[in-house]
Amino acid sequence: MAEDAKQRIGLPMTLALVLGSIIGAGVFMLPVSLAPLGWNAAIGWIVSGSGAVCLAYGLSRLTRGGQGIQAHIEQAFGAVPAFIAAWSFWCAAWTSNAALAIAAASALSRINPWLSDPAIVTSVAVSLVAVLTFVNALGIRSAGQM
């Protein structure tokens, strides 16, 4: 039991991880999408935030009990749909990471015009992915602390 307690990250660390992900995505991607809406962007933020909370809740319910999303889909629909869903989820994760890295590098280029060259934006994006991969390789606690 004591060993199980050591492996848990707890509510504060989980909150830090989730908020970091949402803020990272929201700061770099959502304003561009909602800017054409003007003042209606506030409604867009509320709808987008509600959708993110619903997705997080649904995924958290699916992973309770030690089984992953693929296991639950496999129970309901079979092995092939479960594999396709898990593969699609995995591909969406790494493509969204690349999109966020490019968006972050582009945002930095607006702050510092020296970074506006496409080759430099690409280098900064790759560096961001490499640094964050290193932090994640150190463990979930390191990622939460960052």
C-alpha atoms as a PDB file:
ATOM      1  CA  MET A   1       0.000   0.000   0.000  1.00  0.00           C
ATOM      2  CA  ALA A   2       2.845   2.402   0.827  1.00  0.00           C
ATOM      3  CA  GLU A   3       4.463   1.665  -2.530  1.00  0.00           C
ATOM      4  CA  ASP A   4       1.162   2.395  -4.310  1.00  0.00           C
ATOM      5  CA  ALA A   5       0.925   5.741  -2.519  1.00  0.00           C
ATOM      6  CA  LYS A   6       4.427   6.700  -3.707  1.00  0.00           C
ATOM      7  CA  GLN A   7       3.436   6.212  -7.353  1.00  0.00           C
ATOM      8  CA  ARG A   8       0.453   8.555  -7.218  1.00  0.00           C
ATOM      9  CA  ILE A   9       1.051  12.119  -8.246  1.00  0.00           C
ATOM     10  CA  GLY A  10      -1.826  13.605  -6.288  1.00  0.00           C
ATOM     11  CA  LEU A  11      -4.332  16.318  -7.036  1.00  0.00           C
ATOM     12  CA  PRO A  12      -1.947  19.327  -7.128  1.00  0.00           C
ATOM     13  CA  MET A  13       0.411  17.679  -9.641  1.00  0.00           C
ATOM     14  CA  THR A  14      -2.475  16.409 -11.778  1.00  0.00           C
ATOM     15  CA  LEU A  15      -4.014  19.870 -11.748  1.00  0.00           C
ATOM     16  CA  ALA A  16      -0.678  21.374 -12.810  1.00  0.00           C
ATOM     17  CA  LEU A  17      -0.369  18.922 -15.711  1.00  0.00           C
ATOM     18  CA  VAL A  18      -3.903  19.499 -16.970  1.00  0.00           C
ATOM     19  CA  LEU A  19      -3.785  23.275 -16.581  1.00  0.00           C
ATOM     20  CA  GLY A  20      -0.402  23.380 -18.294  1.00  0.00           C
ATOM     21  CA  SER A  21      -1.778  21.447 -21.249  1.00  0.00           C
ATOM     22  CA  ILE A  22      -4.914  23.552 -21.526  1.00  0.00           C
ATOM     23  CA  ILE A  23      -3.072  26.840 -21.138  1.00  0.00           C
ATOM     24  CA  GLY A  24      -0.450  25.766 -23.659  1.00  0.00           C
ATOM     25  CA  ALA A  25      -3.056  24.855 -26.227  1.00  0.00           C
ATOM     26  CA  GLY A  26      -5.339  27.760 -25.443  1.00  0.00           C
ATOM     27  CA  VAL A  27      -2.714  30.484 -25.442  1.00  0.00           C
ATOM     28  CA  PHE A  28      -1.265  29.562 -28.802  1.00  0.00           C
ATOM     29  CA  MET A  29      -4.179  28.144 -30.790  1.00  0.00           C
ATOM     30  CA  LEU A  30      -7.577  29.314 -29.547  1.00  0.00           C
ATOM     31  CA  PRO A  31      -7.218  33.115 -29.882  1.00  0.00           C
ATOM     32  CA  VAL A  32      -6.489  32.824 -33.597  1.00  0.00           C
ATOM     33  CA  SER A  33      -9.581  30.698 -34.097  1.00  0.00           C
ATOM     34  CA  LEU A  34     -11.827  32.961 -32.032  1.00  0.00           C
ATOM     35  CA  ALA A  35     -10.502  36.382 -33.114  1.00  0.00           C
ATOM     36  CA  PRO A  36     -12.922  36.764 -36.051  1.00  0.00           C
ATOM     37  CA  LEU A  37     -15.844  36.370 -33.629  1.00  0.00           C
ATOM     38  CA  GLY A  38     -15.166  39.642 -31.792  1.00  0.00           C
ATOM     39  CA  TRP A  39     -16.980  39.818 -28.472  1.00  0.00           C
ATOM     40  CA  ASN A  40     -18.614  36.489 -29.193  1.00  0.00           C
ATOM     41  CA  ALA A  41     -15.187  35.004 -28.499  1.00  0.00           C
ATOM     42  CA  ALA A  42     -16.103  34.921 -24.791  1.00  0.00           C
ATOM     43  CA  ILE A  43     -18.914  32.498 -25.617  1.00  0.00           C
ATOM     44  CA  GLY A  44     -16.431  30.553 -27.726  1.00  0.00           C
ATOM     45  CA  TRP A  45     -14.064  30.313 -24.763  1.00  0.00           C
ATOM     46  CA  ILE A  46     -16.871  29.024 -22.552  1.00  0.00           C
ATOM     47  CA  VAL A  47     -17.990  26.460 -25.129  1.00  0.00           C
ATOM     48  CA  SER A  48     -14.403  25.353 -25.816  1.00  0.00           C
ATOM     49  CA  GLY A  49     -13.616  25.123 -22.107  1.00  0.00           C
ATOM     50  CA  SER A  50     -16.776  23.131 -21.453  1.00  0.00           C
ATOM     51  CA  GLY A  51     -15.883  20.765 -24.268  1.00  0.00           C
ATOM     52  CA  ALA A  52     -12.376  20.287 -22.864  1.00  0.00           C
ATOM     53  CA  VAL A  53     -13.800  19.521 -19.416  1.00  0.00           C
ATOM     54  CA  CYS A  54     -16.266  17.017 -20.914  1.00  0.00           C
ATOM     55  CA  LEU A  55     -13.485  15.272 -22.835  1.00  0.00           C
ATOM     56  CA  ALA A  56     -11.252  15.167 -19.765  1.00  0.00           C
ATOM     57  CA  TYR A  57     -14.073  13.759 -17.643  1.00  0.00           C
ATOM     58  CA  GLY A  58     -14.984  11.132 -20.237  1.00  0.00           C
ATOM     59  CA  LEU A  59     -11.379  10.012 -20.661  1.00  0.00           C
ATOM     60  CA  SER A  60     -10.852   9.899 -16.900  1.00  0.00           C
ATOM     61  CA  ARG A  61     -13.910   7.675 -16.493  1.00  0.00           C
ATOM     62  CA  LEU A  62     -12.643   5.325 -19.206  1.00  0.00           C
ATOM     63  CA  THR A  63      -9.248   4.866 -17.592  1.00  0.00           C
ATOM     64  CA  ARG A  64     -10.433   4.045 -14.078  1.00  0.00           C
ATOM     65  CA  GLY A  65      -9.675   0.572 -12.872  1.00  0.00           C
ATOM     66  CA  GLY A  66      -6.309   0.355 -14.603  1.00  0.00           C
ATOM     67  CA  GLN A  67      -7.649  -0.287 -18.078  1.00  0.00           C
ATOM     68  CA  GLY A  68      -7.022   2.119 -20.901  1.00  0.00           C
ATOM     69  CA  ILE A  69      -9.305   3.514 -23.525  1.00  0.00           C
ATOM     70  CA  GLN A  70      -8.453   0.738 -25.962  1.00  0.00           C
ATOM     71  CA  ALA A  71      -9.598  -1.969 -23.521  1.00  0.00           C
ATOM     72  CA  HIS A  72     -13.004  -0.343 -23.079  1.00  0.00           C
ATOM     73  CA  ILE A  73     -13.512   0.139 -26.802  1.00  0.00           C
ATOM     74  CA  GLU A  74     -12.455  -3.461 -27.362  1.00  0.00           C
ATOM     75  CA  GLN A  75     -15.068  -4.687 -24.878  1.00  0.00           C
ATOM     76  CA  ALA A  76     -17.801  -2.716 -26.614  1.00  0.00           C
ATOM     77  CA  PHE A  77     -16.885  -2.969 -30.303  1.00  0.00           C
ATOM     78  CA  GLY A  78     -14.114  -5.524 -30.772  1.00  0.00           C
ATOM     79  CA  ALA A  79     -10.369  -5.577 -31.358  1.00  0.00           C
ATOM     80  CA  VAL A  80     -10.174  -3.837 -34.747  1.00  0.00           C
ATOM     81  CA  PRO A  81     -12.180  -0.707 -33.815  1.00  0.00           C
ATOM     82  CA  ALA A  82     -10.234  -0.514 -30.540  1.00  0.00           C
ATOM     83  CA  PHE A  83      -6.928  -0.629 -32.400  1.00  0.00           C
ATOM     84  CA  ILE A  84      -8.088   2.013 -34.889  1.00  0.00           C
ATOM     85  CA  ALA A  85      -9.288   4.301 -32.087  1.00  0.00           C
ATOM     86  CA  ALA A  86      -6.060   3.909 -30.105  1.00  0.00           C
ATOM     87  CA  TRP A  87      -3.943   4.433 -33.233  1.00  0.00           C
ATOM     88  CA  SER A  88      -5.942   7.535 -34.159  1.00  0.00           C
ATOM     89  CA  PHE A  89      -5.629   8.893 -30.624  1.00  0.00           C
ATOM     90  CA  TRP A  90      -1.866   8.344 -30.694  1.00  0.00           C
ATOM     91  CA  CYS A  91      -1.502  10.037 -34.104  1.00  0.00           C
ATOM     92  CA  ALA A  92      -3.622  12.964 -32.927  1.00  0.00           C
ATOM     93  CA  ALA A  93      -1.370  13.360 -29.885  1.00  0.00           C
ATOM     94  CA  TRP A  94       1.881  13.663 -31.801  1.00  0.00           C
ATOM     95  CA  THR A  95       0.440  15.813 -34.596  1.00  0.00           C
ATOM     96  CA  SER A  96      -1.086  18.196 -32.065  1.00  0.00           C
ATOM     97  CA  ASN A  97       2.253  18.400 -30.261  1.00  0.00           C
ATOM     98  CA  ALA A  98       3.914  19.440 -33.519  1.00  0.00           C
ATOM     99  CA  ALA A  99       1.198  22.011 -34.197  1.00  0.00           C
ATOM    100  CA  LEU A 100       1.556  23.469 -30.711  1.00  0.00           C
ATOM    101  CA  ALA A 101       5.339  23.652 -31.058  1.00  0.00           C
ATOM    102  CA  ILE A 102       5.028  25.539 -34.339  1.00  0.00           C
ATOM    103  CA  ALA A 103       2.374  27.825 -32.858  1.00  0.00           C
ATOM    104  CA  ALA A 104       4.588  28.560 -29.841  1.00  0.00           C
ATOM    105  CA  ALA A 105       7.593  29.285 -32.063  1.00  0.00           C
ATOM    106  CA  SER A 106       5.437  31.540 -34.267  1.00  0.00           C
ATOM    107  CA  ALA A 107       4.194  33.399 -31.204  1.00  0.00           C
ATOM    108  CA  LEU A 108       7.791  33.927 -30.098  1.00  0.00           C
ATOM    109  CA  SER A 109       8.604  35.278 -33.559  1.00  0.00           C
ATOM    110  CA  ARG A 110       6.022  38.015 -33.056  1.00  0.00           C
ATOM    111  CA  ILE A 111       7.757  39.051 -29.850  1.00  0.00           C
ATOM    112  CA  ASN A 112      11.243  38.996 -31.357  1.00  0.00           C
ATOM    113  CA  PRO A 113      11.381  39.814 -35.112  1.00  0.00           C
ATOM    114  CA  TRP A 114      14.771  38.082 -35.364  1.00  0.00           C
ATOM    115  CA  LEU A 115      12.933  34.786 -34.916  1.00  0.00           C
ATOM    116  CA  SER A 116      10.579  35.394 -37.864  1.00  0.00           C
ATOM    117  CA  ASP A 117      12.652  33.517 -40.451  1.00  0.00           C
ATOM    118  CA  PRO A 118      10.869  30.208 -41.254  1.00  0.00           C
ATOM    119  CA  ALA A 119      14.075  28.221 -40.709  1.00  0.00           C
ATOM    120  CA  ILE A 120      14.475  29.745 -37.252  1.00  0.00           C
ATOM    121  CA  VAL A 121      10.796  29.143 -36.395  1.00  0.00           C
ATOM    122  CA  THR A 122      11.257  25.508 -37.377  1.00  0.00           C
ATOM    123  CA  SER A 123      14.447  25.212 -35.312  1.00  0.00           C
ATOM    124  CA  VAL A 124      12.769  26.764 -32.279  1.00  0.00           C
ATOM    125  CA  ALA A 125       9.776  24.414 -32.661  1.00  0.00           C
ATOM    126  CA  VAL A 126      12.039  21.359 -32.878  1.00  0.00           C
ATOM    127  CA  SER A 127      14.003  22.608 -29.847  1.00  0.00           C
ATOM    128  CA  LEU A 128      10.793  23.049 -27.866  1.00  0.00           C
ATOM    129  CA  VAL A 129       9.738  19.481 -28.667  1.00  0.00           C
ATOM    130  CA  ALA A 130      13.194  18.165 -27.724  1.00  0.00           C
ATOM    131  CA  VAL A 131      13.283  20.035 -24.403  1.00  0.00           C
ATOM    132  CA  LEU A 132       9.762  18.988 -23.459  1.00  0.00           C
ATOM    133  CA  THR A 133      10.488  15.389 -24.458  1.00  0.00           C
ATOM    134  CA  PHE A 134      13.532  15.432 -22.179  1.00  0.00           C
ATOM    135  CA  VAL A 135      11.469  16.838 -19.302  1.00  0.00           C
ATOM    136  CA  ASN A 136       8.802  14.175 -19.841  1.00  0.00           C
ATOM    137  CA  ALA A 137      11.476  11.454 -19.981  1.00  0.00           C
ATOM    138  CA  LEU A 138      12.558  12.506 -16.492  1.00  0.00           C
ATOM    139  CA  GLY A 139       9.117  11.523 -15.235  1.00  0.00           C
ATOM    140  CA  ILE A 140       5.641  12.788 -14.619  1.00  0.00           C
ATOM    141  CA  ARG A 141       6.723  14.760 -11.555  1.00  0.00           C
ATOM    142  CA  SER A 142       9.215  16.753 -13.623  1.00  0.00           C
ATOM    143  CA  ALA A 143       6.561  17.498 -16.207  1.00  0.00           C
ATOM    144  CA  GLY A 144       4.128  18.631 -13.521  1.00  0.00           C
ATOM    145  CA  GLN A 145       6.732  20.824 -11.878  1.00  0.00           C
ATOM    146  CA  MET A 146       7.572  22.460 -15.180  1.00  0.00           C
END
